[in-house]
Protein backbone atom coordinates (compact mmCIF):
# COMPACT_ATOMS: atom_id res chain seq x y z
CA UNK A 1 0.00 0.00 0.00
CA UNK A 2 1.44 3.35 -1.00
CA UNK A 3 0.95 6.77 0.63
CA UNK A 4 -1.97 7.75 -1.59
CA UNK A 5 -3.77 4.44 -1.04
CA UNK A 6 -3.26 4.58 2.71
CA UNK A 7 -4.41 8.18 2.99
CA UNK A 8 -7.43 7.50 0.74
CA UNK A 9 -8.52 4.88 3.28
CA UNK A 10 -7.70 7.20 6.18
CA UNK A 11 -9.78 10.06 4.74
CA UNK A 12 -12.75 7.86 3.85
CA UNK A 13 -15.73 9.00 5.90
CA UNK A 14 -19.44 8.65 6.52
CA UNK A 15 -21.97 11.12 5.22
CA UNK A 16 -25.45 12.22 6.19
CA UNK A 17 -26.60 10.07 3.28
CA UNK A 18 -24.90 6.97 4.72
CA UNK A 19 -26.63 7.43 8.07
CA UNK A 20 -29.98 8.19 6.45
CA UNK A 21 -29.76 5.02 4.38
CA UNK A 22 -28.82 2.90 7.41
CA UNK A 23 -31.75 4.33 9.37
CA UNK A 24 -34.18 4.17 6.46
CA UNK A 25 -34.97 7.89 6.63
CA UNK A 26 -34.33 10.94 4.49
CA UNK A 27 -31.21 13.06 4.58
CA UNK A 28 -33.42 15.96 5.64
CA UNK A 29 -34.50 13.97 8.70
CA UNK A 30 -30.86 13.46 9.68
CA UNK A 31 -30.04 17.12 9.21
CA UNK A 32 -33.11 18.28 11.14
CA UNK A 33 -32.45 15.86 14.00
CA UNK A 34 -28.91 17.29 14.29
CA UNK A 35 -30.19 20.83 14.78
CA UNK A 36 -30.39 22.39 18.23
CA UNK A 37 -33.60 21.38 19.97
CA UNK A 38 -34.62 25.06 20.04
CA UNK A 39 -34.48 25.38 16.24
CA UNK A 40 -37.86 25.62 14.52
CA UNK A 41 -36.92 22.89 12.03
CA UNK A 42 -35.63 20.47 14.69
CA UNK A 43 -37.03 16.94 14.55
CA UNK A 44 -36.53 14.05 16.94
CA UNK A 45 -34.03 11.44 15.76
CA UNK A 46 -35.29 8.02 14.64
CA UNK A 47 -36.02 5.78 17.61
CA UNK A 48 -33.35 3.18 16.77
CA UNK A 49 -30.57 5.69 16.06
CA UNK A 50 -28.24 4.52 18.83
CA UNK A 51 -28.04 0.94 17.57
CA UNK A 52 -27.42 2.11 14.02
CA UNK A 53 -24.73 4.60 15.07
CA UNK A 54 -23.02 1.88 17.12
CA UNK A 55 -23.07 -0.47 14.13
CA UNK A 56 -21.66 2.19 11.81
CA UNK A 57 -18.97 3.11 14.35
CA UNK A 58 -17.99 -0.55 14.67
CA UNK A 59 -17.63 -0.73 10.90
CA UNK A 60 -15.36 2.33 10.99
CA UNK A 61 -13.24 0.68 13.66
CA UNK A 62 -12.88 -2.42 11.47
CA UNK A 63 -12.11 -0.19 8.47
CA UNK A 64 -9.24 1.52 10.29
CA UNK A 65 -8.06 -1.74 11.89
CA UNK A 66 -7.59 -3.19 8.37
CA UNK A 67 -5.59 -0.10 7.36
CA UNK A 68 -3.39 -0.43 10.44
CA UNK A 69 -2.88 -4.15 9.90
CA UNK A 70 -2.01 -3.65 6.22
CA UNK A 71 0.54 -0.95 6.99
CA UNK A 72 2.11 -2.94 9.84
CA UNK A 73 2.31 -6.04 7.65
CA UNK A 74 4.24 -4.02 5.07
CA UNK A 75 6.63 -2.80 7.78
CA UNK A 76 7.38 -6.42 8.70
CA UNK A 77 8.20 -7.24 5.06
CA UNK A 78 10.46 -4.21 4.51
PDB file of N, CA and C in Angstrom:
ATOM      1  N   UNK A   1       0.855  -1.168   0.000  1.00  0.00           N
ATOM      2  CA  UNK A   1       0.000   0.000   0.000  1.00  0.00           C
ATOM      3  C   UNK A   1       0.902   1.232   0.000  1.00  0.00           C
ATOM      4  N   UNK A   2       0.640   2.129  -0.927  1.00  0.00           N
ATOM      5  CA  UNK A   2       1.439   3.352  -1.002  1.00  0.00           C
ATOM      6  C   UNK A   2       0.776   4.476  -0.196  1.00  0.00           C
ATOM      7  N   UNK A   3       1.440   5.632  -0.153  1.00  0.00           N
ATOM      8  CA  UNK A   3       0.953   6.770   0.627  1.00  0.00           C
ATOM      9  C   UNK A   3      -0.442   7.191   0.199  1.00  0.00           C
ATOM     10  N   UNK A   4      -0.663   7.304  -1.112  1.00  0.00           N
ATOM     11  CA  UNK A   4      -1.971   7.745  -1.591  1.00  0.00           C
ATOM     12  C   UNK A   4      -3.053   6.745  -1.204  1.00  0.00           C
ATOM     13  N   UNK A   5      -2.788   5.461  -1.397  1.00  0.00           N
ATOM     14  CA  UNK A   5      -3.772   4.442  -1.038  1.00  0.00           C
ATOM     15  C   UNK A   5      -4.096   4.447   0.447  1.00  0.00           C
ATOM     16  N   UNK A   6      -3.058   4.573   1.262  1.00  0.00           N
ATOM     17  CA  UNK A   6      -3.260   4.582   2.714  1.00  0.00           C
ATOM     18  C   UNK A   6      -4.040   5.813   3.155  1.00  0.00           C
ATOM     19  N   UNK A   7      -3.707   6.967   2.577  1.00  0.00           N
ATOM     20  CA  UNK A   7      -4.415   8.179   2.991  1.00  0.00           C
ATOM     21  C   UNK A   7      -5.824   8.241   2.404  1.00  0.00           C
ATOM     22  N   UNK A   8      -6.062   7.614   1.259  1.00  0.00           N
ATOM     23  CA  UNK A   8      -7.430   7.499   0.739  1.00  0.00           C
ATOM     24  C   UNK A   8      -8.306   6.746   1.736  1.00  0.00           C
ATOM     25  N   UNK A   9      -7.780   5.654   2.274  1.00  0.00           N
ATOM     26  CA  UNK A   9      -8.517   4.877   3.276  1.00  0.00           C
ATOM     27  C   UNK A   9      -8.687   5.693   4.548  1.00  0.00           C
ATOM     28  N   UNK A  10      -7.642   6.387   4.967  1.00  0.00           N
ATOM     29  CA  UNK A  10      -7.699   7.198   6.177  1.00  0.00           C
ATOM     30  C   UNK A  10      -8.760   8.295   6.071  1.00  0.00           C
ATOM     31  N   UNK A  11      -8.860   8.937   4.922  1.00  0.00           N
ATOM     32  CA  UNK A  11      -9.778  10.061   4.740  1.00  0.00           C
ATOM     33  C   UNK A  11     -11.200   9.634   4.372  1.00  0.00           C
ATOM     34  N   UNK A  12     -11.411   8.356   4.154  1.00  0.00           N
ATOM     35  CA  UNK A  12     -12.746   7.859   3.853  1.00  0.00           C
ATOM     36  C   UNK A  12     -13.657   8.158   5.043  1.00  0.00           C
ATOM     37  N   UNK A  13     -14.861   8.645   4.784  1.00  0.00           N
ATOM     38  CA  UNK A  13     -15.732   9.003   5.898  1.00  0.00           C
ATOM     39  C   UNK A  13     -17.189   8.675   5.625  1.00  0.00           C
ATOM     40  N   UNK A  14     -18.000   8.844   6.633  1.00  0.00           N
ATOM     41  CA  UNK A  14     -19.437   8.653   6.521  1.00  0.00           C
ATOM     42  C   UNK A  14     -20.107   9.989   6.227  1.00  0.00           C
ATOM     43  N   UNK A  15     -21.231   9.914   5.567  1.00  0.00           N
ATOM     44  CA  UNK A  15     -21.973  11.124   5.223  1.00  0.00           C
ATOM     45  C   UNK A  15     -23.366  11.072   5.840  1.00  0.00           C
ATOM     46  N   UNK A  16     -24.044  12.196   5.762  1.00  0.00           N
ATOM     47  CA  UNK A  16     -25.450  12.225   6.186  1.00  0.00           C
ATOM     48  C   UNK A  16     -26.239  11.183   5.405  1.00  0.00           C
ATOM     49  N   UNK A  17     -25.909  11.039   4.140  1.00  0.00           N
ATOM     50  CA  UNK A  17     -26.597  10.073   3.281  1.00  0.00           C
ATOM     51  C   UNK A  17     -26.398   8.641   3.774  1.00  0.00           C
ATOM     52  N   UNK A  18     -25.181   8.310   4.197  1.00  0.00           N
ATOM     53  CA  UNK A  18     -24.902   6.966   4.717  1.00  0.00           C
ATOM     54  C   UNK A  18     -25.754   6.668   5.951  1.00  0.00           C
ATOM     55  N   UNK A  19     -25.834   7.628   6.855  1.00  0.00           N
ATOM     56  CA  UNK A  19     -26.626   7.434   8.069  1.00  0.00           C
ATOM     57  C   UNK A  19     -28.112   7.356   7.737  1.00  0.00           C
ATOM     58  N   UNK A  20     -28.567   8.216   6.851  1.00  0.00           N
ATOM     59  CA  UNK A  20     -29.976   8.195   6.447  1.00  0.00           C
ATOM     60  C   UNK A  20     -30.352   6.842   5.856  1.00  0.00           C
ATOM     61  N   UNK A  21     -29.494   6.319   5.000  1.00  0.00           N
ATOM     62  CA  UNK A  21     -29.763   5.016   4.384  1.00  0.00           C
ATOM     63  C   UNK A  21     -29.809   3.916   5.442  1.00  0.00           C
ATOM     64  N   UNK A  22     -28.863   3.927   6.368  1.00  0.00           N
ATOM     65  CA  UNK A  22     -28.820   2.901   7.412  1.00  0.00           C
ATOM     66  C   UNK A  22     -30.052   2.959   8.315  1.00  0.00           C
ATOM     67  N   UNK A  23     -30.575   4.159   8.526  1.00  0.00           N
ATOM     68  CA  UNK A  23     -31.753   4.329   9.372  1.00  0.00           C
ATOM     69  C   UNK A  23     -33.065   4.219   8.607  1.00  0.00           C
ATOM     70  N   UNK A  24     -32.975   4.241   7.277  1.00  0.00           N
ATOM     71  CA  UNK A  24     -34.184   4.172   6.461  1.00  0.00           C
ATOM     72  C   UNK A  24     -35.000   5.454   6.503  1.00  0.00           C
ATOM     73  N   UNK A  25     -34.299   6.590   6.604  1.00  0.00           N
ATOM     74  CA  UNK A  25     -34.966   7.894   6.629  1.00  0.00           C
ATOM     75  C   UNK A  25     -34.332   8.800   5.580  1.00  0.00           C
ATOM     76  N   UNK A  26     -34.873   9.990   5.456  1.00  0.00           N
ATOM     77  CA  UNK A  26     -34.329  10.940   4.485  1.00  0.00           C
ATOM     78  C   UNK A  26     -33.118  11.678   5.056  1.00  0.00           C
ATOM     79  N   UNK A  27     -32.339  12.237   4.163  1.00  0.00           N
ATOM     80  CA  UNK A  27     -31.205  13.060   4.580  1.00  0.00           C
ATOM     81  C   UNK A  27     -31.711  14.275   5.355  1.00  0.00           C
ATOM     82  N   UNK A  28     -32.845  14.821   4.938  1.00  0.00           N
ATOM     83  CA  UNK A  28     -33.421  15.965   5.641  1.00  0.00           C
ATOM     84  C   UNK A  28     -33.731  15.611   7.095  1.00  0.00           C
ATOM     85  N   UNK A  29     -34.214  14.401   7.331  1.00  0.00           N
ATOM     86  CA  UNK A  29     -34.502  13.965   8.703  1.00  0.00           C
ATOM     87  C   UNK A  29     -33.231  13.971   9.539  1.00  0.00           C
ATOM     88  N   UNK A  30     -32.143  13.484   8.962  1.00  0.00           N
ATOM     89  CA  UNK A  30     -30.862  13.463   9.677  1.00  0.00           C
ATOM     90  C   UNK A  30     -30.432  14.887   9.998  1.00  0.00           C
ATOM     91  N   UNK A  31     -30.485  15.741   9.014  1.00  0.00           N
ATOM     92  CA  UNK A  31     -30.044  17.125   9.208  1.00  0.00           C
ATOM     93  C   UNK A  31     -30.911  17.846  10.233  1.00  0.00           C
ATOM     94  N   UNK A  32     -32.209  17.617  10.186  1.00  0.00           N
ATOM     95  CA  UNK A  32     -33.107  18.284  11.137  1.00  0.00           C
ATOM     96  C   UNK A  32     -32.919  17.741  12.548  1.00  0.00           C
ATOM     97  N   UNK A  33     -32.658  16.455  12.671  1.00  0.00           N
ATOM     98  CA  UNK A  33     -32.446  15.863  13.996  1.00  0.00           C
ATOM     99  C   UNK A  33     -31.136  16.342  14.620  1.00  0.00           C
ATOM    100  N   UNK A  34     -30.193  16.793  13.794  1.00  0.00           N
ATOM    101  CA  UNK A  34     -28.913  17.292  14.291  1.00  0.00           C
ATOM    102  C   UNK A  34     -28.973  18.756  14.716  1.00  0.00           C
ATOM    103  N   UNK A  35     -30.044  19.427  14.383  1.00  0.00           N
ATOM    104  CA  UNK A  35     -30.192  20.833  14.781  1.00  0.00           C
ATOM    105  C   UNK A  35     -30.374  20.946  16.286  1.00  0.00           C
ATOM    106  N   UNK A  36     -30.115  22.134  16.816  1.00  0.00           N
ATOM    107  CA  UNK A  36     -30.395  22.388  18.228  1.00  0.00           C
ATOM    108  C   UNK A  36     -31.882  22.171  18.470  1.00  0.00           C
ATOM    109  N   UNK A  37     -32.201  21.663  19.633  1.00  0.00           N
ATOM    110  CA  UNK A  37     -33.602  21.382  19.967  1.00  0.00           C
ATOM    111  C   UNK A  37     -34.461  22.644  19.898  1.00  0.00           C
ATOM    112  N   UNK A  38     -33.869  23.798  20.076  1.00  0.00           N
ATOM    113  CA  UNK A  38     -34.623  25.055  20.045  1.00  0.00           C
ATOM    114  C   UNK A  38     -34.910  25.547  18.623  1.00  0.00           C
ATOM    115  N   UNK A  39     -34.278  24.946  17.626  1.00  0.00           N
ATOM    116  CA  UNK A  39     -34.482  25.383  16.243  1.00  0.00           C
ATOM    117  C   UNK A  39     -35.894  25.008  15.778  1.00  0.00           C
ATOM    118  N   UNK A  40     -36.498  25.874  15.007  1.00  0.00           N
ATOM    119  CA  UNK A  40     -37.859  25.616  14.525  1.00  0.00           C
ATOM    120  C   UNK A  40     -37.954  24.352  13.673  1.00  0.00           C
ATOM    121  N   UNK A  41     -36.901  24.054  12.924  1.00  0.00           N
ATOM    122  CA  UNK A  41     -36.916  22.888  12.032  1.00  0.00           C
ATOM    123  C   UNK A  41     -36.463  21.599  12.699  1.00  0.00           C
ATOM    124  N   UNK A  42     -36.123  21.668  13.987  1.00  0.00           N
ATOM    125  CA  UNK A  42     -35.633  20.474  14.688  1.00  0.00           C
ATOM    126  C   UNK A  42     -36.669  19.358  14.678  1.00  0.00           C
ATOM    127  N   UNK A  43     -36.184  18.130  14.463  1.00  0.00           N
ATOM    128  CA  UNK A  43     -37.026  16.938  14.549  1.00  0.00           C
ATOM    129  C   UNK A  43     -36.335  15.959  15.476  1.00  0.00           C
ATOM    130  N   UNK A  44     -37.102  15.104  16.094  1.00  0.00           N
ATOM    131  CA  UNK A  44     -36.527  14.053  16.939  1.00  0.00           C
ATOM    132  C   UNK A  44     -35.813  13.043  16.056  1.00  0.00           C
ATOM    133  N   UNK A  45     -34.726  12.465  16.550  1.00  0.00           N
ATOM    134  CA  UNK A  45     -34.027  11.441  15.759  1.00  0.00           C
ATOM    135  C   UNK A  45     -34.858  10.167  15.702  1.00  0.00           C
ATOM    136  N   UNK A  46     -34.582   9.308  14.709  1.00  0.00           N
ATOM    137  CA  UNK A  46     -35.286   8.024  14.641  1.00  0.00           C
ATOM    138  C   UNK A  46     -35.071   7.240  15.933  1.00  0.00           C
ATOM    139  N   UNK A  47     -36.049   6.458  16.316  1.00  0.00           N
ATOM    140  CA  UNK A  47     -36.015   5.775  17.611  1.00  0.00           C
ATOM    141  C   UNK A  47     -34.842   4.804  17.751  1.00  0.00           C
ATOM    142  N   UNK A  48     -34.420   4.177  16.688  1.00  0.00           N
ATOM    143  CA  UNK A  48     -33.346   3.180  16.769  1.00  0.00           C
ATOM    144  C   UNK A  48     -31.971   3.750  16.419  1.00  0.00           C
ATOM    145  N   UNK A  49     -31.800   5.055  16.522  1.00  0.00           N
ATOM    146  CA  UNK A  49     -30.574   5.692  16.059  1.00  0.00           C
ATOM    147  C   UNK A  49     -29.332   5.201  16.786  1.00  0.00           C
ATOM    148  N   UNK A  50     -29.435   4.919  18.087  1.00  0.00           N
ATOM    149  CA  UNK A  50     -28.235   4.520  18.833  1.00  0.00           C
ATOM    150  C   UNK A  50     -27.665   3.209  18.321  1.00  0.00           C
ATOM    151  N   UNK A  51     -28.517   2.239  18.063  1.00  0.00           N
ATOM    152  CA  UNK A  51     -28.040   0.937  17.571  1.00  0.00           C
ATOM    153  C   UNK A  51     -27.390   1.079  16.197  1.00  0.00           C
ATOM    154  N   UNK A  52     -27.973   1.907  15.363  1.00  0.00           N
ATOM    155  CA  UNK A  52     -27.419   2.112  14.020  1.00  0.00           C
ATOM    156  C   UNK A  52     -26.086   2.848  14.094  1.00  0.00           C
ATOM    157  N   UNK A  53     -25.994   3.860  14.928  1.00  0.00           N
ATOM    158  CA  UNK A  53     -24.731   4.600  15.070  1.00  0.00           C
ATOM    159  C   UNK A  53     -23.644   3.681  15.626  1.00  0.00           C
ATOM    160  N   UNK A  54     -23.988   2.845  16.585  1.00  0.00           N
ATOM    161  CA  UNK A  54     -23.017   1.878  17.122  1.00  0.00           C
ATOM    162  C   UNK A  54     -22.529   0.957  16.014  1.00  0.00           C
ATOM    163  N   UNK A  55     -23.452   0.434  15.216  1.00  0.00           N
ATOM    164  CA  UNK A  55     -23.070  -0.475  14.130  1.00  0.00           C
ATOM    165  C   UNK A  55     -22.163   0.228  13.123  1.00  0.00           C
ATOM    166  N   UNK A  56     -22.501   1.451  12.756  1.00  0.00           N
ATOM    167  CA  UNK A  56     -21.661   2.191  11.810  1.00  0.00           C
ATOM    168  C   UNK A  56     -20.289   2.500  12.410  1.00  0.00           C
ATOM    169  N   UNK A  57     -20.248   2.846  13.689  1.00  0.00           N
ATOM    170  CA  UNK A  57     -18.967   3.113  14.355  1.00  0.00           C
ATOM    171  C   UNK A  57     -18.110   1.848  14.400  1.00  0.00           C
ATOM    172  N   UNK A  58     -18.736   0.717  14.667  1.00  0.00           N
ATOM    173  CA  UNK A  58     -17.989  -0.550  14.674  1.00  0.00           C
ATOM    174  C   UNK A  58     -17.408  -0.849  13.301  1.00  0.00           C
ATOM    175  N   UNK A  59     -18.160  -0.539  12.260  1.00  0.00           N
ATOM    176  CA  UNK A  59     -17.629  -0.729  10.901  1.00  0.00           C
ATOM    177  C   UNK A  59     -16.437   0.171  10.641  1.00  0.00           C
ATOM    178  N   UNK A  60     -16.490   1.413  11.155  1.00  0.00           N
ATOM    179  CA  UNK A  60     -15.355   2.332  10.986  1.00  0.00           C
ATOM    180  C   UNK A  60     -14.134   1.802  11.712  1.00  0.00           C
ATOM    181  N   UNK A  61     -14.352   1.262  12.911  1.00  0.00           N
ATOM    182  CA  UNK A  61     -13.238   0.678  13.662  1.00  0.00           C
ATOM    183  C   UNK A  61     -12.602  -0.439  12.849  1.00  0.00           C
ATOM    184  N   UNK A  62     -13.411  -1.315  12.282  1.00  0.00           N
ATOM    185  CA  UNK A  62     -12.881  -2.416  11.470  1.00  0.00           C
ATOM    186  C   UNK A  62     -12.168  -1.878  10.233  1.00  0.00           C
ATOM    187  N   UNK A  63     -12.707  -0.828   9.638  1.00  0.00           N
ATOM    188  CA  UNK A  63     -12.110  -0.189   8.465  1.00  0.00           C
ATOM    189  C   UNK A  63     -10.690   0.292   8.789  1.00  0.00           C
ATOM    190  N   UNK A  64     -10.548   1.013   9.900  1.00  0.00           N
ATOM    191  CA  UNK A  64      -9.235   1.523  10.288  1.00  0.00           C
ATOM    192  C   UNK A  64      -8.321   0.425  10.806  1.00  0.00           C
ATOM    193  N   UNK A  65      -8.870  -0.600  11.425  1.00  0.00           N
ATOM    194  CA  UNK A  65      -8.061  -1.738  11.887  1.00  0.00           C
ATOM    195  C   UNK A  65      -7.408  -2.431  10.686  1.00  0.00           C
ATOM    196  N   UNK A  66      -8.168  -2.581   9.583  1.00  0.00           N
ATOM    197  CA  UNK A  66      -7.588  -3.187   8.368  1.00  0.00           C
ATOM    198  C   UNK A  66      -6.453  -2.330   7.824  1.00  0.00           C
ATOM    199  N   UNK A  67      -6.647  -1.006   7.819  1.00  0.00           N
ATOM    200  CA  UNK A  67      -5.592  -0.101   7.361  1.00  0.00           C
ATOM    201  C   UNK A  67      -4.348  -0.273   8.219  1.00  0.00           C
ATOM    202  N   UNK A  68      -4.515  -0.262   9.527  1.00  0.00           N
ATOM    203  CA  UNK A  68      -3.385  -0.428  10.444  1.00  0.00           C
ATOM    204  C   UNK A  68      -2.686  -1.758  10.205  1.00  0.00           C
ATOM    205  N   UNK A  69      -3.461  -2.815  10.114  1.00  0.00           N
ATOM    206  CA  UNK A  69      -2.883  -4.148   9.896  1.00  0.00           C
ATOM    207  C   UNK A  69      -2.130  -4.226   8.578  1.00  0.00           C
ATOM    208  N   UNK A  70      -2.686  -3.646   7.521  1.00  0.00           N
ATOM    209  CA  UNK A  70      -2.007  -3.653   6.217  1.00  0.00           C
ATOM    210  C   UNK A  70      -0.689  -2.895   6.278  1.00  0.00           C
ATOM    211  N   UNK A  71      -0.696  -1.737   6.908  1.00  0.00           N
ATOM    212  CA  UNK A  71       0.541  -0.951   6.990  1.00  0.00           C
ATOM    213  C   UNK A  71       1.580  -1.639   7.870  1.00  0.00           C
ATOM    214  N   UNK A  72       1.160  -2.226   8.968  1.00  0.00           N
ATOM    215  CA  UNK A  72       2.108  -2.938   9.838  1.00  0.00           C
ATOM    216  C   UNK A  72       2.667  -4.174   9.146  1.00  0.00           C
ATOM    217  N   UNK A  73       1.839  -4.857   8.379  1.00  0.00           N
ATOM    218  CA  UNK A  73       2.313  -6.044   7.650  1.00  0.00           C
ATOM    219  C   UNK A  73       3.386  -5.655   6.630  1.00  0.00           C
ATOM    220  N   UNK A  74       3.233  -4.494   6.023  1.00  0.00           N
ATOM    221  CA  UNK A  74       4.239  -4.021   5.069  1.00  0.00           C
ATOM    222  C   UNK A  74       5.534  -3.635   5.777  1.00  0.00           C
ATOM    223  N   UNK A  75       5.431  -3.119   7.005  1.00  0.00           N
ATOM    224  CA  UNK A  75       6.634  -2.800   7.783  1.00  0.00           C
ATOM    225  C   UNK A  75       7.429  -4.073   8.051  1.00  0.00           C
ATOM    226  N   UNK A  76       6.732  -5.145   8.380  1.00  0.00           N
ATOM    227  CA  UNK A  76       7.381  -6.419   8.700  1.00  0.00           C
ATOM    228  C   UNK A  76       8.108  -6.987   7.487  1.00  0.00           C
ATOM    229  N   UNK A  77       7.598  -6.713   6.287  1.00  0.00           N
ATOM    230  CA  UNK A  77       8.197  -7.240   5.057  1.00  0.00           C
ATOM    231  C   UNK A  77       9.409  -6.407   4.661  1.00  0.00           C
ATOM    232  N   UNK A  78       9.388  -5.113   4.939  1.00  0.00           N
ATOM    233  CA  UNK A  78      10.459  -4.206   4.510  1.00  0.00           C
ATOM    234  C   UNK A  78      11.764  -4.494   5.202  1.00  0.00           C
TER     235      UNK A  78
END
